[in-house]
Amino acid sequence: MNAEEITQRLELLRLEHRDLDAAIIALGEATVPDQLQLARMKKRKLRLRDEISWCEDQIIPDIIA
């Protein structure tokens, strides 16, 4: 993947992460929230966060001085 592809992927991941966050909040505010669904959404959100971090690291490499 080149830098442009990684940047595009990063934008999509951030958008999905925001959407998932909104869905988690909405589901959590339900009268009887589905705990299993909430857990799955939270795990997906964590995986997205890890992938976002990886993409950011590829764009801005860690420089040890």
N, C-alpha and C. Protein backbone atom coordinates (compact mmCIF):
# COMPACT_ATOMS: atom_id res chain seq x y z
N MET A 1 0.84 -1.18 0.00
CA MET A 1 0.00 0.00 0.00
C MET A 1 0.88 1.25 0.00
N ASN A 2 0.55 2.18 -0.84
CA ASN A 2 1.29 3.44 -0.83
C ASN A 2 0.61 4.41 0.14
N ALA A 3 1.24 5.57 0.32
CA ALA A 3 0.75 6.55 1.31
C ALA A 3 -0.66 7.03 0.99
N GLU A 4 -0.97 7.20 -0.28
CA GLU A 4 -2.31 7.67 -0.66
C GLU A 4 -3.38 6.63 -0.33
N GLU A 5 -3.09 5.36 -0.60
CA GLU A 5 -4.06 4.30 -0.29
C GLU A 5 -4.26 4.18 1.22
N ILE A 6 -3.16 4.31 1.96
CA ILE A 6 -3.25 4.23 3.42
C ILE A 6 -4.08 5.39 3.95
N THR A 7 -3.88 6.58 3.39
CA THR A 7 -4.64 7.75 3.82
C THR A 7 -6.12 7.56 3.54
N GLN A 8 -6.47 7.03 2.38
CA GLN A 8 -7.87 6.77 2.05
C GLN A 8 -8.46 5.74 3.00
N ARG A 9 -7.71 4.68 3.26
CA ARG A 9 -8.17 3.64 4.19
C ARG A 9 -8.38 4.23 5.58
N LEU A 10 -7.47 5.09 5.98
CA LEU A 10 -7.56 5.73 7.29
C LEU A 10 -8.83 6.56 7.41
N GLU A 11 -9.17 7.30 6.37
CA GLU A 11 -10.40 8.10 6.37
C GLU A 11 -11.63 7.20 6.54
N LEU A 12 -11.66 6.08 5.81
CA LEU A 12 -12.78 5.15 5.91
C LEU A 12 -12.88 4.53 7.30
N LEU A 13 -11.75 4.18 7.85
CA LEU A 13 -11.73 3.58 9.19
C LEU A 13 -12.23 4.57 10.24
N ARG A 14 -11.79 5.81 10.13
CA ARG A 14 -12.23 6.83 11.09
C ARG A 14 -13.74 7.06 10.99
N LEU A 15 -14.25 7.07 9.77
CA LEU A 15 -15.69 7.24 9.57
C LEU A 15 -16.46 6.07 10.18
N GLU A 16 -16.00 4.85 9.92
CA GLU A 16 -16.66 3.67 10.48
C GLU A 16 -16.58 3.69 12.02
N HIS A 17 -15.45 4.13 12.55
CA HIS A 17 -15.27 4.20 14.00
C HIS A 17 -16.27 5.18 14.62
N ARG A 18 -16.45 6.36 13.98
CA ARG A 18 -17.42 7.34 14.48
C ARG A 18 -18.85 6.80 14.41
N ASP A 19 -19.17 6.15 13.28
CA ASP A 19 -20.50 5.58 13.12
C ASP A 19 -20.78 4.51 14.17
N LEU A 20 -19.79 3.68 14.40
CA LEU A 20 -19.93 2.61 15.38
C LEU A 20 -20.08 3.19 16.78
N ASP A 21 -19.37 4.25 17.07
CA ASP A 21 -19.48 4.91 18.36
C ASP A 21 -20.90 5.43 18.58
N ALA A 22 -21.45 6.05 17.54
CA ALA A 22 -22.82 6.55 17.63
C ALA A 22 -23.81 5.41 17.82
N ALA A 23 -23.59 4.30 17.13
CA ALA A 23 -24.48 3.14 17.26
C ALA A 23 -24.40 2.54 18.66
N ILE A 24 -23.20 2.50 19.23
CA ILE A 24 -23.02 1.97 20.59
C ILE A 24 -23.77 2.85 21.59
N ILE A 25 -23.66 4.14 21.43
CA ILE A 25 -24.35 5.07 22.33
C ILE A 25 -25.86 4.89 22.22
N ALA A 26 -26.35 4.81 20.99
CA ALA A 26 -27.80 4.65 20.77
C ALA A 26 -28.30 3.34 21.36
N LEU A 27 -27.55 2.25 21.15
CA LEU A 27 -27.97 0.95 21.67
C LEU A 27 -27.90 0.94 23.20
N GLY A 28 -26.91 1.61 23.75
CA GLY A 28 -26.76 1.66 25.21
C GLY A 28 -27.88 2.44 25.88
N GLU A 29 -28.48 3.36 25.15
CA GLU A 29 -29.57 4.17 25.72
C GLU A 29 -30.93 3.50 25.59
N ALA A 30 -30.98 2.35 24.94
CA ALA A 30 -32.25 1.62 24.82
C ALA A 30 -32.72 1.17 26.19
N THR A 31 -34.03 0.97 26.32
CA THR A 31 -34.58 0.54 27.61
C THR A 31 -33.98 -0.79 28.05
N VAL A 32 -33.86 -1.72 27.13
CA VAL A 32 -33.24 -3.01 27.43
C VAL A 32 -32.16 -3.26 26.37
N PRO A 33 -30.94 -2.73 26.61
CA PRO A 33 -29.90 -2.89 25.60
C PRO A 33 -29.46 -4.34 25.45
N ASP A 34 -29.17 -4.72 24.23
CA ASP A 34 -28.69 -6.07 23.92
C ASP A 34 -27.20 -6.11 24.28
N GLN A 35 -26.89 -6.72 25.40
CA GLN A 35 -25.52 -6.74 25.91
C GLN A 35 -24.55 -7.47 24.97
N LEU A 36 -25.02 -8.53 24.35
CA LEU A 36 -24.17 -9.27 23.42
C LEU A 36 -23.82 -8.41 22.21
N GLN A 37 -24.81 -7.72 21.67
CA GLN A 37 -24.59 -6.84 20.53
C GLN A 37 -23.66 -5.69 20.92
N LEU A 38 -23.86 -5.14 22.10
CA LEU A 38 -22.98 -4.07 22.58
C LEU A 38 -21.53 -4.56 22.68
N ALA A 39 -21.34 -5.73 23.22
CA ALA A 39 -19.99 -6.29 23.36
C ALA A 39 -19.34 -6.49 22.00
N ARG A 40 -20.10 -6.99 21.04
CA ARG A 40 -19.55 -7.20 19.70
C ARG A 40 -19.17 -5.88 19.05
N MET A 41 -20.02 -4.87 19.22
CA MET A 41 -19.74 -3.56 18.64
C MET A 41 -18.49 -2.94 19.28
N LYS A 42 -18.35 -3.10 20.57
CA LYS A 42 -17.19 -2.55 21.26
C LYS A 42 -15.91 -3.25 20.82
N LYS A 43 -15.97 -4.56 20.62
CA LYS A 43 -14.80 -5.29 20.12
C LYS A 43 -14.43 -4.83 18.72
N ARG A 44 -15.43 -4.63 17.89
CA ARG A 44 -15.20 -4.14 16.52
C ARG A 44 -14.57 -2.74 16.56
N LYS A 45 -15.05 -1.93 17.48
CA LYS A 45 -14.51 -0.58 17.62
C LYS A 45 -13.03 -0.62 18.03
N LEU A 46 -12.68 -1.54 18.93
CA LEU A 46 -11.29 -1.68 19.34
C LEU A 46 -10.41 -2.16 18.18
N ARG A 47 -10.93 -3.09 17.38
CA ARG A 47 -10.16 -3.55 16.21
C ARG A 47 -9.95 -2.41 15.23
N LEU A 48 -10.98 -1.60 15.04
CA LEU A 48 -10.85 -0.43 14.16
C LEU A 48 -9.79 0.53 14.70
N ARG A 49 -9.80 0.75 16.01
CA ARG A 49 -8.81 1.65 16.62
C ARG A 49 -7.39 1.13 16.38
N ASP A 50 -7.20 -0.18 16.50
CA ASP A 50 -5.89 -0.77 16.25
C ASP A 50 -5.46 -0.57 14.79
N GLU A 51 -6.39 -0.77 13.88
CA GLU A 51 -6.09 -0.60 12.46
C GLU A 51 -5.82 0.87 12.14
N ILE A 52 -6.56 1.77 12.77
CA ILE A 52 -6.32 3.21 12.60
C ILE A 52 -4.90 3.54 13.07
N SER A 53 -4.51 3.02 14.21
CA SER A 53 -3.17 3.27 14.73
C SER A 53 -2.10 2.74 13.79
N TRP A 54 -2.33 1.56 13.23
CA TRP A 54 -1.37 0.99 12.29
C TRP A 54 -1.22 1.89 11.07
N CYS A 55 -2.34 2.34 10.52
CA CYS A 55 -2.30 3.22 9.35
C CYS A 55 -1.58 4.52 9.66
N GLU A 56 -1.86 5.09 10.82
CA GLU A 56 -1.18 6.32 11.21
C GLU A 56 0.32 6.10 11.34
N ASP A 57 0.72 4.96 11.88
CA ASP A 57 2.14 4.64 12.01
C ASP A 57 2.81 4.48 10.65
N GLN A 58 2.08 3.98 9.67
CA GLN A 58 2.64 3.80 8.33
C GLN A 58 2.84 5.15 7.64
N ILE A 59 1.96 6.09 7.92
CA ILE A 59 2.06 7.42 7.30
C ILE A 59 3.15 8.25 7.99
N ILE A 60 3.16 8.22 9.31
CA ILE A 60 4.14 8.97 10.10
C ILE A 60 4.97 7.97 10.89
N PRO A 61 6.08 7.51 10.32
CA PRO A 61 6.88 6.49 11.01
C PRO A 61 7.50 7.04 12.30
N ASP A 62 7.71 6.15 13.24
CA ASP A 62 8.31 6.49 14.51
C ASP A 62 9.81 6.66 14.30
N ILE A 63 10.31 7.84 14.57
CA ILE A 63 11.73 8.12 14.36
C ILE A 63 12.43 8.11 15.72
N ILE A 64 13.40 7.24 15.85
CA ILE A 64 14.17 7.15 17.08
C ILE A 64 15.43 8.00 16.90
N ALA A 65 15.57 9.01 17.73
CA ALA A 65 16.71 9.93 17.59
C ALA A 65 17.73 9.67 18.66
